């Protein structure tokens, strides 16, 4: 999953970036409202961690703009303001949750997980494709009831394909969603991770569930539930 952190406090932003990357999230960090607006317009995020007090404006304006554009991406708003009125303003602008500074990192990630597992019209609580089953909330994957341990990148690649199992996913799209903006995209990192993912998913007596579309990318093969 890809996260955008909008935070102008550089030390705090770096702590959040490191922690989220270690937890397996592709994480972009910006410190200004204008940069955040550009990032949201350019990239597809699963969640935005949004500070209200930015040097060039109020993070609430970004949230309100996202909602007016029909963007339902989850927003967790951060602020040093703890007044009830400030919280109401943030929630009225479309934020899904509100966390007052200072906060403990485990509380932040717990709130993030709660937001990420909320189902939307395009996001089922449990993803099923043939014999494959994925629980995004617990980050568990199984095939024919056999649990398959995956790395964070492998999980994110498979999740993207399982959310749109009939689509062909271009390598560039997989890169943009699973790796952050600092990745230069010049190597065969997607192909390497897909190869590792295939090996883990190939159980005895079952076919490779991932199909290569030459010159384009990857997609899931049609799978039988029997």
C-alpha atoms as a PDB file:
ATOM      1  CA  UNK A   1       0.000   0.000   0.000  1.00  0.00           C
ATOM      2  CA  UNK A   2       1.135   3.542  -0.729  1.00  0.00           C
ATOM      3  CA  UNK A   3       0.939   6.285   1.889  1.00  0.00           C
ATOM      4  CA  UNK A   4       1.371  10.041   1.563  1.00  0.00           C
ATOM      5  CA  UNK A   5       2.679  11.844   4.659  1.00  0.00           C
ATOM      6  CA  UNK A   6       2.109  15.624   4.614  1.00  0.00           C
ATOM      7  CA  UNK A   7       4.188  17.030   7.478  1.00  0.00           C
ATOM      8  CA  UNK A   8       6.418  20.143   7.564  1.00  0.00           C
ATOM      9  CA  UNK A   9       8.263  19.132  10.760  1.00  0.00           C
ATOM     10  CA  UNK A  10      11.262  17.475   9.083  1.00  0.00           C
ATOM     11  CA  UNK A  11      12.420  15.329  12.058  1.00  0.00           C
ATOM     12  CA  UNK A  12       8.880  14.027  12.676  1.00  0.00           C
ATOM     13  CA  UNK A  13       8.346  13.421   8.970  1.00  0.00           C
ATOM     14  CA  UNK A  14      11.537  11.367   8.799  1.00  0.00           C
ATOM     15  CA  UNK A  15      10.537   9.300  11.850  1.00  0.00           C
ATOM     16  CA  UNK A  16       7.182   8.568  10.252  1.00  0.00           C
ATOM     17  CA  UNK A  17       8.760   7.739   6.882  1.00  0.00           C
ATOM     18  CA  UNK A  18      11.250   5.304   8.417  1.00  0.00           C
ATOM     19  CA  UNK A  19       8.638   3.613  10.573  1.00  0.00           C
ATOM     20  CA  UNK A  20       6.132   3.214   7.744  1.00  0.00           C
ATOM     21  CA  UNK A  21       8.766   1.898   5.330  1.00  0.00           C
ATOM     22  CA  UNK A  22       9.868  -0.647   7.946  1.00  0.00           C
ATOM     23  CA  UNK A  23       6.197  -1.649   8.314  1.00  0.00           C
ATOM     24  CA  UNK A  24       6.044  -2.352   4.580  1.00  0.00           C
ATOM     25  CA  UNK A  25       4.303   0.769   3.270  1.00  0.00           C
ATOM     26  CA  UNK A  26       5.513   2.630   0.178  1.00  0.00           C
ATOM     27  CA  UNK A  27       5.742   6.138   1.647  1.00  0.00           C
ATOM     28  CA  UNK A  28       6.016   9.577   0.051  1.00  0.00           C
ATOM     29  CA  UNK A  29       6.692  12.637   2.216  1.00  0.00           C
ATOM     30  CA  UNK A  30       5.994  16.297   1.419  1.00  0.00           C
ATOM     31  CA  UNK A  31       6.096  19.365   3.653  1.00  0.00           C
ATOM     32  CA  UNK A  32       3.955  21.914   1.832  1.00  0.00           C
ATOM     33  CA  UNK A  33       0.303  22.134   0.874  1.00  0.00           C
ATOM     34  CA  UNK A  34       1.106  22.836  -2.786  1.00  0.00           C
ATOM     35  CA  UNK A  35       3.350  19.767  -2.985  1.00  0.00           C
ATOM     36  CA  UNK A  36       0.673  17.645  -1.319  1.00  0.00           C
ATOM     37  CA  UNK A  37      -1.941  18.775  -3.843  1.00  0.00           C
ATOM     38  CA  UNK A  38       0.408  17.885  -6.685  1.00  0.00           C
ATOM     39  CA  UNK A  39       1.174  14.484  -5.154  1.00  0.00           C
ATOM     40  CA  UNK A  40      -2.513  13.619  -4.730  1.00  0.00           C
ATOM     41  CA  UNK A  41      -3.262  14.707  -8.296  1.00  0.00           C
ATOM     42  CA  UNK A  42      -0.352  12.657  -9.656  1.00  0.00           C
ATOM     43  CA  UNK A  43      -0.374   9.445  -7.624  1.00  0.00           C
ATOM     44  CA  UNK A  44      -2.840   6.856  -6.346  1.00  0.00           C
ATOM     45  CA  UNK A  45      -2.641   6.629  -2.547  1.00  0.00           C
ATOM     46  CA  UNK A  46      -4.355   4.289  -0.120  1.00  0.00           C
ATOM     47  CA  UNK A  47      -4.132   6.750   2.784  1.00  0.00           C
ATOM     48  CA  UNK A  48      -2.989  10.325   3.464  1.00  0.00           C
ATOM     49  CA  UNK A  49      -1.521  11.284   6.840  1.00  0.00           C
ATOM     50  CA  UNK A  50      -2.182  15.020   6.787  1.00  0.00           C
ATOM     51  CA  UNK A  51      -0.876  17.747   9.095  1.00  0.00           C
ATOM     52  CA  UNK A  52      -3.152  20.779   9.386  1.00  0.00           C
ATOM     53  CA  UNK A  53      -0.497  23.391  10.116  1.00  0.00           C
ATOM     54  CA  UNK A  54       1.548  23.732   6.915  1.00  0.00           C
ATOM     55  CA  UNK A  55       3.777  26.683   5.954  1.00  0.00           C
ATOM     56  CA  UNK A  56       1.678  27.583   2.903  1.00  0.00           C
ATOM     57  CA  UNK A  57      -1.802  26.780   4.146  1.00  0.00           C
ATOM     58  CA  UNK A  58      -4.145  24.549   6.139  1.00  0.00           C
ATOM     59  CA  UNK A  59      -4.140  20.807   5.459  1.00  0.00           C
ATOM     60  CA  UNK A  60      -7.905  20.937   5.831  1.00  0.00           C
ATOM     61  CA  UNK A  61      -8.025  22.651   2.431  1.00  0.00           C
ATOM     62  CA  UNK A  62      -6.391  19.628   0.783  1.00  0.00           C
ATOM     63  CA  UNK A  63      -8.878  17.282   2.405  1.00  0.00           C
ATOM     64  CA  UNK A  64     -11.834  19.408   1.334  1.00  0.00           C
ATOM     65  CA  UNK A  65     -10.450  19.601  -2.212  1.00  0.00           C
ATOM     66  CA  UNK A  66     -10.022  15.834  -2.376  1.00  0.00           C
ATOM     67  CA  UNK A  67     -13.605  15.236  -1.284  1.00  0.00           C
ATOM     68  CA  UNK A  68     -15.015  17.829  -3.688  1.00  0.00           C
ATOM     69  CA  UNK A  69     -13.180  16.011  -6.495  1.00  0.00           C
ATOM     70  CA  UNK A  70     -14.742  12.708  -5.489  1.00  0.00           C
ATOM     71  CA  UNK A  71     -11.500  11.336  -4.023  1.00  0.00           C
ATOM     72  CA  UNK A  72     -12.434   8.890  -1.263  1.00  0.00           C
ATOM     73  CA  UNK A  73      -8.856   8.138  -0.164  1.00  0.00           C
ATOM     74  CA  UNK A  74      -8.690   7.695   3.620  1.00  0.00           C
ATOM     75  CA  UNK A  75      -7.338  10.773   5.444  1.00  0.00           C
ATOM     76  CA  UNK A  76      -5.867  10.736   8.948  1.00  0.00           C
ATOM     77  CA  UNK A  77      -5.441  14.334  10.060  1.00  0.00           C
ATOM     78  CA  UNK A  78      -2.675  15.412  12.435  1.00  0.00           C
ATOM     79  CA  UNK A  79      -2.607  18.648  14.393  1.00  0.00           C
ATOM     80  CA  UNK A  80      -1.114  20.319  17.427  1.00  0.00           C
ATOM     81  CA  UNK A  81      -4.530  21.875  18.075  1.00  0.00           C
ATOM     82  CA  UNK A  82      -6.575  19.888  20.573  1.00  0.00           C
ATOM     83  CA  UNK A  83      -9.703  22.045  20.721  1.00  0.00           C
ATOM     84  CA  UNK A  84     -13.037  20.464  19.887  1.00  0.00           C
ATOM     85  CA  UNK A  85     -13.707  23.118  17.258  1.00  0.00           C
ATOM     86  CA  UNK A  86     -10.514  22.263  15.394  1.00  0.00           C
ATOM     87  CA  UNK A  87     -11.387  18.574  15.356  1.00  0.00           C
ATOM     88  CA  UNK A  88     -14.895  19.303  14.098  1.00  0.00           C
ATOM     89  CA  UNK A  89     -13.470  21.494  11.318  1.00  0.00           C
ATOM     90  CA  UNK A  90     -11.133  18.729  10.216  1.00  0.00           C
ATOM     91  CA  UNK A  91     -13.827  16.069  10.233  1.00  0.00           C
ATOM     92  CA  UNK A  92     -16.282  18.363   8.446  1.00  0.00           C
ATOM     93  CA  UNK A  93     -13.661  18.875   5.724  1.00  0.00           C
ATOM     94  CA  UNK A  94     -13.789  15.122   5.088  1.00  0.00           C
ATOM     95  CA  UNK A  95     -11.089  13.648   7.319  1.00  0.00           C
ATOM     96  CA  UNK A  96     -11.756  10.064   8.407  1.00  0.00           C
ATOM     97  CA  UNK A  97      -9.919  10.314  11.724  1.00  0.00           C
ATOM     98  CA  UNK A  98      -8.052  12.890  13.803  1.00  0.00           C
ATOM     99  CA  UNK A  99      -4.905  12.522  15.920  1.00  0.00           C
ATOM    100  CA  UNK A 100      -3.536  15.258  18.182  1.00  0.00           C
ATOM    101  CA  UNK A 101       0.207  15.840  18.568  1.00  0.00           C
ATOM    102  CA  UNK A 102       2.185  14.618  20.365  1.00  0.00           C
ATOM    103  CA  UNK A 103       1.195  11.017  19.702  1.00  0.00           C
ATOM    104  CA  UNK A 104       2.743   7.569  20.006  1.00  0.00           C
ATOM    105  CA  UNK A 105       3.701   5.844  16.768  1.00  0.00           C
ATOM    106  CA  UNK A 106       1.817   2.611  17.650  1.00  0.00           C
ATOM    107  CA  UNK A 107      -1.405   4.618  18.028  1.00  0.00           C
ATOM    108  CA  UNK A 108      -0.852   6.214  14.617  1.00  0.00           C
ATOM    109  CA  UNK A 109      -0.360   2.866  12.904  1.00  0.00           C
ATOM    110  CA  UNK A 110      -3.332   1.332  14.726  1.00  0.00           C
ATOM    111  CA  UNK A 111      -5.562   4.145  13.449  1.00  0.00           C
ATOM    112  CA  UNK A 112      -4.103   3.724   9.976  1.00  0.00           C
ATOM    113  CA  UNK A 113      -4.871   0.002   9.954  1.00  0.00           C
ATOM    114  CA  UNK A 114      -8.429   0.712  11.084  1.00  0.00           C
ATOM    115  CA  UNK A 115      -8.913   3.150   8.202  1.00  0.00           C
ATOM    116  CA  UNK A 116      -7.288   0.869   5.637  1.00  0.00           C
ATOM    117  CA  UNK A 117      -9.535  -2.049   6.471  1.00  0.00           C
ATOM    118  CA  UNK A 118     -12.744  -0.070   6.087  1.00  0.00           C
ATOM    119  CA  UNK A 119     -14.491  -1.432   3.001  1.00  0.00           C
ATOM    120  CA  UNK A 120     -15.410   0.888   0.149  1.00  0.00           C
ATOM    121  CA  UNK A 121     -17.279   0.180  -3.057  1.00  0.00           C
ATOM    122  CA  UNK A 122     -13.997  -0.894  -4.629  1.00  0.00           C
ATOM    123  CA  UNK A 123     -12.483  -2.591  -1.615  1.00  0.00           C
ATOM    124  CA  UNK A 124     -13.844  -5.817  -0.168  1.00  0.00           C
ATOM    125  CA  UNK A 125     -12.893  -6.788   3.420  1.00  0.00           C
ATOM    126  CA  UNK A 126     -11.673 -10.197   2.187  1.00  0.00           C
ATOM    127  CA  UNK A 127     -10.315 -10.641  -1.352  1.00  0.00           C
ATOM    128  CA  UNK A 128     -10.888 -14.003  -3.042  1.00  0.00           C
ATOM    129  CA  UNK A 129      -9.758 -15.192  -6.456  1.00  0.00           C
ATOM    130  CA  UNK A 130     -10.146 -18.895  -7.076  1.00  0.00           C
ATOM    131  CA  UNK A 131      -8.180 -20.710  -4.377  1.00  0.00           C
ATOM    132  CA  UNK A 132      -6.394 -17.511  -3.325  1.00  0.00           C
ATOM    133  CA  UNK A 133      -7.680 -15.641  -0.288  1.00  0.00           C
ATOM    134  CA  UNK A 134      -6.311 -12.385   1.141  1.00  0.00           C
ATOM    135  CA  UNK A 135      -7.212 -10.476   4.298  1.00  0.00           C
ATOM    136  CA  UNK A 136      -5.773  -6.949   3.872  1.00  0.00           C
ATOM    137  CA  UNK A 137      -6.431  -6.053   7.508  1.00  0.00           C
ATOM    138  CA  UNK A 138      -4.355  -8.889   8.977  1.00  0.00           C
ATOM    139  CA  UNK A 139      -2.101  -9.053   5.896  1.00  0.00           C
ATOM    140  CA  UNK A 140      -2.637 -12.805   5.599  1.00  0.00           C
ATOM    141  CA  UNK A 141      -2.667 -14.764   2.346  1.00  0.00           C
ATOM    142  CA  UNK A 142      -3.668 -18.382   1.854  1.00  0.00           C
ATOM    143  CA  UNK A 143      -4.161 -20.763  -1.056  1.00  0.00           C
ATOM    144  CA  UNK A 144      -6.357 -23.804  -0.609  1.00  0.00           C
ATOM    145  CA  UNK A 145      -6.331 -23.022   3.146  1.00  0.00           C
ATOM    146  CA  UNK A 146      -2.502 -23.086   3.276  1.00  0.00           C
ATOM    147  CA  UNK A 147      -1.046 -19.881   4.729  1.00  0.00           C
ATOM    148  CA  UNK A 148       1.594 -18.274   2.507  1.00  0.00           C
ATOM    149  CA  UNK A 149       4.084 -15.882   4.140  1.00  0.00           C
ATOM    150  CA  UNK A 150       4.848 -12.908   1.907  1.00  0.00           C
ATOM    151  CA  UNK A 151       7.146  -9.911   2.175  1.00  0.00           C
ATOM    152  CA  UNK A 152       5.554  -6.464   2.322  1.00  0.00           C
ATOM    153  CA  UNK A 153       6.315  -5.798  -1.369  1.00  0.00           C
ATOM    154  CA  UNK A 154       5.015  -9.202  -2.469  1.00  0.00           C
ATOM    155  CA  UNK A 155       1.829  -8.646  -0.484  1.00  0.00           C
ATOM    156  CA  UNK A 156       1.278  -5.225  -2.053  1.00  0.00           C
ATOM    157  CA  UNK A 157       1.829  -6.554  -5.575  1.00  0.00           C
ATOM    158  CA  UNK A 158      -0.617  -9.407  -5.040  1.00  0.00           C
ATOM    159  CA  UNK A 159      -3.160  -7.118  -3.365  1.00  0.00           C
ATOM    160  CA  UNK A 160      -3.123  -4.741  -6.339  1.00  0.00           C
ATOM    161  CA  UNK A 161      -3.790  -7.637  -8.716  1.00  0.00           C
ATOM    162  CA  UNK A 162      -6.481  -9.194  -6.510  1.00  0.00           C
ATOM    163  CA  UNK A 163      -8.382  -5.908  -6.255  1.00  0.00           C
ATOM    164  CA  UNK A 164      -8.665  -5.877 -10.074  1.00  0.00           C
ATOM    165  CA  UNK A 165      -8.215  -9.537 -11.057  1.00  0.00           C
ATOM    166  CA  UNK A 166      -9.419  -9.117 -14.632  1.00  0.00           C
ATOM    167  CA  UNK A 167      -7.094  -6.211 -15.407  1.00  0.00           C
ATOM    168  CA  UNK A 168      -3.609  -6.353 -16.864  1.00  0.00           C
ATOM    169  CA  UNK A 169      -1.273  -4.382 -14.594  1.00  0.00           C
ATOM    170  CA  UNK A 170       1.573  -2.574 -16.337  1.00  0.00           C
ATOM    171  CA  UNK A 171       4.984  -2.674 -14.678  1.00  0.00           C
ATOM    172  CA  UNK A 172       4.914   1.121 -14.384  1.00  0.00           C
ATOM    173  CA  UNK A 173       1.574   0.996 -12.539  1.00  0.00           C
ATOM    174  CA  UNK A 174       2.898  -1.640 -10.138  1.00  0.00           C
ATOM    175  CA  UNK A 175       6.009   0.453  -9.518  1.00  0.00           C
ATOM    176  CA  UNK A 176       3.990   3.589  -8.797  1.00  0.00           C
ATOM    177  CA  UNK A 177       1.711   1.830  -6.321  1.00  0.00           C
ATOM    178  CA  UNK A 178       4.161  -0.426  -4.489  1.00  0.00           C
ATOM    179  CA  UNK A 179       7.353   1.661  -4.483  1.00  0.00           C
ATOM    180  CA  UNK A 180       7.618   5.261  -3.333  1.00  0.00           C
ATOM    181  CA  UNK A 181       8.494   8.352  -5.357  1.00  0.00           C
ATOM    182  CA  UNK A 182      12.233   8.049  -4.620  1.00  0.00           C
ATOM    183  CA  UNK A 183      12.552   4.845  -6.647  1.00  0.00           C
ATOM    184  CA  UNK A 184      14.067   5.520 -10.089  1.00  0.00           C
ATOM    185  CA  UNK A 185      12.336   2.580 -11.781  1.00  0.00           C
ATOM    186  CA  UNK A 186      15.334   1.668 -13.933  1.00  0.00           C
ATOM    187  CA  UNK A 187      15.846  -1.922 -12.793  1.00  0.00           C
ATOM    188  CA  UNK A 188      13.809  -5.127 -13.148  1.00  0.00           C
ATOM    189  CA  UNK A 189      12.674  -4.965  -9.519  1.00  0.00           C
ATOM    190  CA  UNK A 190       9.022  -5.697 -10.387  1.00  0.00           C
ATOM    191  CA  UNK A 191       9.936  -8.810 -12.364  1.00  0.00           C
ATOM    192  CA  UNK A 192      12.167 -10.080  -9.551  1.00  0.00           C
ATOM    193  CA  UNK A 193       9.447  -9.637  -6.935  1.00  0.00           C
ATOM    194  CA  UNK A 194       6.820 -11.211  -9.200  1.00  0.00           C
ATOM    195  CA  UNK A 195       9.111 -14.222  -9.714  1.00  0.00           C
ATOM    196  CA  UNK A 196       9.511 -14.619  -5.934  1.00  0.00           C
ATOM    197  CA  UNK A 197       5.758 -14.219  -5.445  1.00  0.00           C
ATOM    198  CA  UNK A 198       5.058 -16.898  -8.055  1.00  0.00           C
ATOM    199  CA  UNK A 199       7.347 -19.391  -6.349  1.00  0.00           C
ATOM    200  CA  UNK A 200       5.539 -18.923  -3.055  1.00  0.00           C
ATOM    201  CA  UNK A 201       2.087 -19.232  -4.619  1.00  0.00           C
ATOM    202  CA  UNK A 202       2.887 -22.377  -6.602  1.00  0.00           C
ATOM    203  CA  UNK A 203       1.665 -25.110  -4.293  1.00  0.00           C
ATOM    204  CA  UNK A 204       1.970 -28.784  -5.145  1.00  0.00           C
ATOM    205  CA  UNK A 205      -0.476 -29.714  -7.880  1.00  0.00           C
ATOM    206  CA  UNK A 206      -1.545 -26.113  -8.581  1.00  0.00           C
ATOM    207  CA  UNK A 207      -0.622 -23.867 -11.492  1.00  0.00           C
ATOM    208  CA  UNK A 208       1.121 -20.527 -11.402  1.00  0.00           C
ATOM    209  CA  UNK A 209      -1.726 -18.049 -10.671  1.00  0.00           C
ATOM    210  CA  UNK A 210       0.034 -15.088 -12.305  1.00  0.00           C
ATOM    211  CA  UNK A 211       0.115 -14.657 -16.068  1.00  0.00           C
ATOM    212  CA  UNK A 212       2.699 -12.568 -17.945  1.00  0.00           C
ATOM    213  CA  UNK A 213       1.274 -10.376 -20.698  1.00  0.00           C
ATOM    214  CA  UNK A 214       4.284  -9.916 -22.929  1.00  0.00           C
ATOM    215  CA  UNK A 215       5.278  -6.302 -23.393  1.00  0.00           C
ATOM    216  CA  UNK A 216       2.641  -5.062 -20.961  1.00  0.00           C
ATOM    217  CA  UNK A 217       2.795  -6.531 -17.459  1.00  0.00           C
ATOM    218  CA  UNK A 218       0.974  -9.084 -15.318  1.00  0.00           C
ATOM    219  CA  UNK A 219      -2.517 -10.306 -14.470  1.00  0.00           C
ATOM    220  CA  UNK A 220      -4.158 -13.103 -12.494  1.00  0.00           C
ATOM    221  CA  UNK A 221      -5.220 -16.182 -14.387  1.00  0.00           C
ATOM    222  CA  UNK A 222      -8.868 -17.244 -14.145  1.00  0.00           C
ATOM    223  CA  UNK A 223      -9.078 -19.591 -11.158  1.00  0.00           C
ATOM    224  CA  UNK A 224     -11.611 -22.226 -10.214  1.00  0.00           C
ATOM    225  CA  UNK A 225     -13.003 -22.202  -6.674  1.00  0.00           C
ATOM    226  CA  UNK A 226     -13.633 -25.952  -6.806  1.00  0.00           C
END
